[in-house]
Amino acid sequence: MRYLHTMVRIKNIEDSLDFYCNHFGMKEFNRLENEKGRFTLIFLCAPDDEVKAKENKAPLLELTYNWPKDGEAEEGYNGGRNFGHLAYRVENIYETCQKLMDAGVVINRPPRDGHMAFVKSPDDISIEILQEGEHLEPQEPWASMENSGSW
């Protein structure tokens, strides 16, 4: 298993980049604009991790900006809603999820696609589990398993 990133939601891209990059010293590593999903993902790395990040060997900070709907103000977050999730990459997502389920952990978002799942820690922290490499072929019981709760 390898630690990938921590995601936090932001309400203003410019203010957040000013803080994290200009003041805190992090570097923008990658950016993804998703028009259909109406969000922007900005991945930052620590300056000393830039080379490792290019080799997928350094954890990143993911800033998530959800685009406001037409005529609405930027969304603010409270009650911990700005913190998104921890993310880990595993060798076999099905084996990892089965091991967790056997231990009594609820699989909130099953790996129906052979790629991504979500669980929660005892403290209600969302944890994203991603398949290393290519997606695995869909298989039961995961392919037909429903979501449970939130993540």
Protein backbone atom coordinates (compact mmCIF):
# COMPACT_ATOMS: atom_id res chain seq x y z
CA MET A 1 0.00 0.00 0.00
CA ARG A 2 1.20 3.52 -0.77
CA TYR A 3 -0.08 6.84 0.63
CA LEU A 4 -1.22 9.05 -2.27
CA HIS A 5 -2.81 12.32 -1.19
CA THR A 6 -4.96 14.29 1.19
CA MET A 7 -7.89 16.22 -0.29
CA VAL A 8 -9.27 19.48 1.05
CA ARG A 9 -12.10 21.51 -0.46
CA ILE A 10 -11.41 25.16 -1.12
CA LYS A 11 -13.73 28.11 -1.73
CA ASN A 12 -11.37 30.28 -3.77
CA ILE A 13 -8.60 29.01 -6.06
CA GLU A 14 -6.54 32.21 -6.13
CA ASP A 15 -6.57 32.68 -2.35
CA SER A 16 -5.71 29.03 -1.75
CA LEU A 17 -2.85 28.99 -4.27
CA ASP A 18 -1.52 32.23 -2.82
CA PHE A 19 -1.44 30.62 0.62
CA TYR A 20 -0.17 27.14 -0.27
CA CYS A 21 2.29 28.17 -3.02
CA ASN A 22 3.37 31.76 -2.38
CA HIS A 23 3.38 31.70 1.41
CA PHE A 24 3.71 28.05 2.40
CA GLY A 25 6.11 27.17 -0.44
CA MET A 26 4.32 24.26 -2.15
CA LYS A 27 4.37 23.85 -5.94
CA GLU A 28 1.49 23.24 -8.31
CA PHE A 29 2.12 19.79 -9.74
CA ASN A 30 -1.00 19.06 -11.80
CA ARG A 31 -4.43 20.53 -12.54
CA LEU A 32 -7.61 18.91 -13.82
CA GLU A 33 -10.67 20.87 -14.93
CA ASN A 34 -13.82 18.73 -15.11
CA GLU A 35 -16.57 20.66 -16.86
CA LYS A 36 -19.12 17.85 -16.64
CA GLY A 37 -18.56 17.39 -12.90
CA ARG A 38 -18.16 21.16 -12.40
CA PHE A 39 -14.97 20.97 -10.35
CA THR A 40 -11.25 21.72 -10.51
CA LEU A 41 -8.60 19.54 -8.89
CA ILE A 42 -5.21 21.08 -8.20
CA PHE A 43 -2.45 18.81 -6.93
CA LEU A 44 0.40 20.39 -4.97
CA CYS A 45 3.70 18.90 -3.88
CA ALA A 46 6.32 19.96 -1.41
CA PRO A 47 9.35 21.52 -3.16
CA ASP A 48 11.64 18.69 -2.04
CA ASP A 49 9.18 16.10 -3.39
CA GLU A 50 8.85 17.47 -6.94
CA VAL A 51 11.13 14.86 -8.56
CA LYS A 52 9.52 12.02 -6.59
CA ALA A 53 6.04 13.31 -7.47
CA LYS A 54 6.86 13.00 -11.18
CA GLU A 55 7.64 9.33 -10.55
CA ASN A 56 4.39 8.87 -8.52
CA LYS A 57 6.49 8.34 -5.39
CA ALA A 58 5.51 11.34 -3.27
CA PRO A 59 2.24 12.19 -1.54
CA LEU A 60 0.35 15.22 -2.80
CA LEU A 61 -2.13 17.73 -1.47
CA GLU A 62 -5.31 17.80 -3.58
CA LEU A 63 -7.21 21.08 -3.57
CA THR A 64 -10.79 20.56 -4.77
CA TYR A 65 -12.77 23.54 -6.00
CA ASN A 66 -16.47 22.89 -6.68
CA TRP A 67 -17.73 25.38 -9.23
CA PRO A 68 -20.62 27.55 -8.07
CA LYS A 69 -23.93 27.16 -9.87
CA ASP A 70 -24.92 30.07 -12.09
CA GLY A 71 -25.93 33.04 -9.96
CA GLU A 72 -24.74 31.47 -6.71
CA ALA A 73 -21.83 32.49 -4.51
CA GLU A 74 -18.81 30.25 -3.99
CA GLU A 75 -19.60 27.44 -1.57
CA GLY A 76 -18.23 27.74 1.93
CA TYR A 77 -17.58 24.67 4.07
CA ASN A 78 -18.06 24.20 7.77
CA GLY A 79 -18.13 21.38 10.27
CA GLY A 80 -15.08 19.68 8.75
CA ARG A 81 -16.70 19.52 5.31
CA ASN A 82 -13.62 21.19 3.81
CA PHE A 83 -11.54 18.08 4.58
CA GLY A 84 -12.18 15.48 1.93
CA HIS A 85 -10.34 12.19 2.25
CA LEU A 86 -7.09 10.29 2.52
CA ALA A 87 -6.10 8.21 -0.51
CA TYR A 88 -4.08 5.01 -0.81
CA ARG A 89 -3.11 2.85 -3.78
CA VAL A 90 -3.20 -0.94 -3.28
CA GLU A 91 -2.01 -3.97 -5.27
CA ASN A 92 -5.44 -5.63 -5.38
CA ILE A 93 -8.50 -3.57 -4.50
CA TYR A 94 -10.78 -6.61 -4.24
CA GLU A 95 -8.50 -8.40 -1.76
CA THR A 96 -8.07 -5.20 0.27
CA CYS A 97 -11.82 -4.55 0.42
CA GLN A 98 -12.54 -8.18 1.31
CA LYS A 99 -10.00 -8.06 4.14
CA LEU A 100 -11.59 -4.84 5.45
CA MET A 101 -15.12 -6.23 5.13
CA ASP A 102 -14.10 -9.44 6.91
CA ALA A 103 -12.87 -7.23 9.77
CA GLY A 104 -16.27 -5.54 10.01
CA VAL A 105 -15.45 -2.40 8.03
CA VAL A 106 -18.35 -1.07 5.93
CA ILE A 107 -17.44 -0.58 2.27
CA ASN A 108 -19.27 2.71 1.64
CA ARG A 109 -18.46 2.84 -2.07
CA PRO A 110 -17.67 -0.66 -3.36
CA PRO A 111 -15.05 -1.16 -6.11
CA ARG A 112 -17.68 -1.93 -8.76
CA ASP A 113 -15.34 -0.64 -11.47
CA GLY A 114 -12.29 -2.55 -10.23
CA HIS A 115 -10.61 0.78 -9.59
CA MET A 116 -11.97 2.82 -6.66
CA ALA A 117 -13.60 2.23 -3.29
CA PHE A 118 -14.29 4.30 -0.18
CA VAL A 119 -14.43 3.32 3.49
CA LYS A 120 -14.51 5.38 6.68
CA SER A 121 -12.26 5.26 9.71
CA PRO A 122 -13.75 4.88 13.20
CA ASP A 123 -13.48 8.68 13.43
CA ASP A 124 -15.57 9.14 10.26
CA ILE A 125 -12.61 10.06 8.02
CA SER A 126 -13.18 9.04 4.40
CA ILE A 127 -10.47 6.87 2.89
CA GLU A 128 -10.23 6.38 -0.87
CA ILE A 129 -8.71 3.10 -2.03
CA LEU A 130 -7.40 3.00 -5.61
CA GLN A 131 -6.23 0.05 -7.66
CA GLU A 132 -2.56 0.07 -8.66
CA GLY A 133 -2.17 0.06 -12.46
CA GLU A 134 -5.06 -0.90 -14.72
CA HIS A 135 -8.60 -1.38 -13.45
CA LEU A 136 -9.38 -4.95 -12.49
CA GLU A 137 -12.22 -6.69 -14.32
CA PRO A 138 -15.55 -6.16 -12.50
CA GLN A 139 -16.45 -9.13 -10.30
CA GLU A 140 -19.01 -10.13 -7.73
CA PRO A 141 -19.96 -9.38 -5.07
CA TRP A 142 -18.52 -5.94 -5.80
CA ALA A 143 -20.08 -5.33 -9.24
CA SER A 144 -23.65 -5.39 -7.91
CA MET A 145 -23.01 -4.04 -4.40
CA GLU A 146 -24.84 -0.82 -3.55
CA ASN A 147 -23.30 2.25 -1.91
CA SER A 148 -23.73 2.49 1.85
CA GLY A 149 -23.92 5.79 3.68
CA SER A 150 -21.69 8.65 2.63
CA TRP A 151 -18.02 8.97 1.92
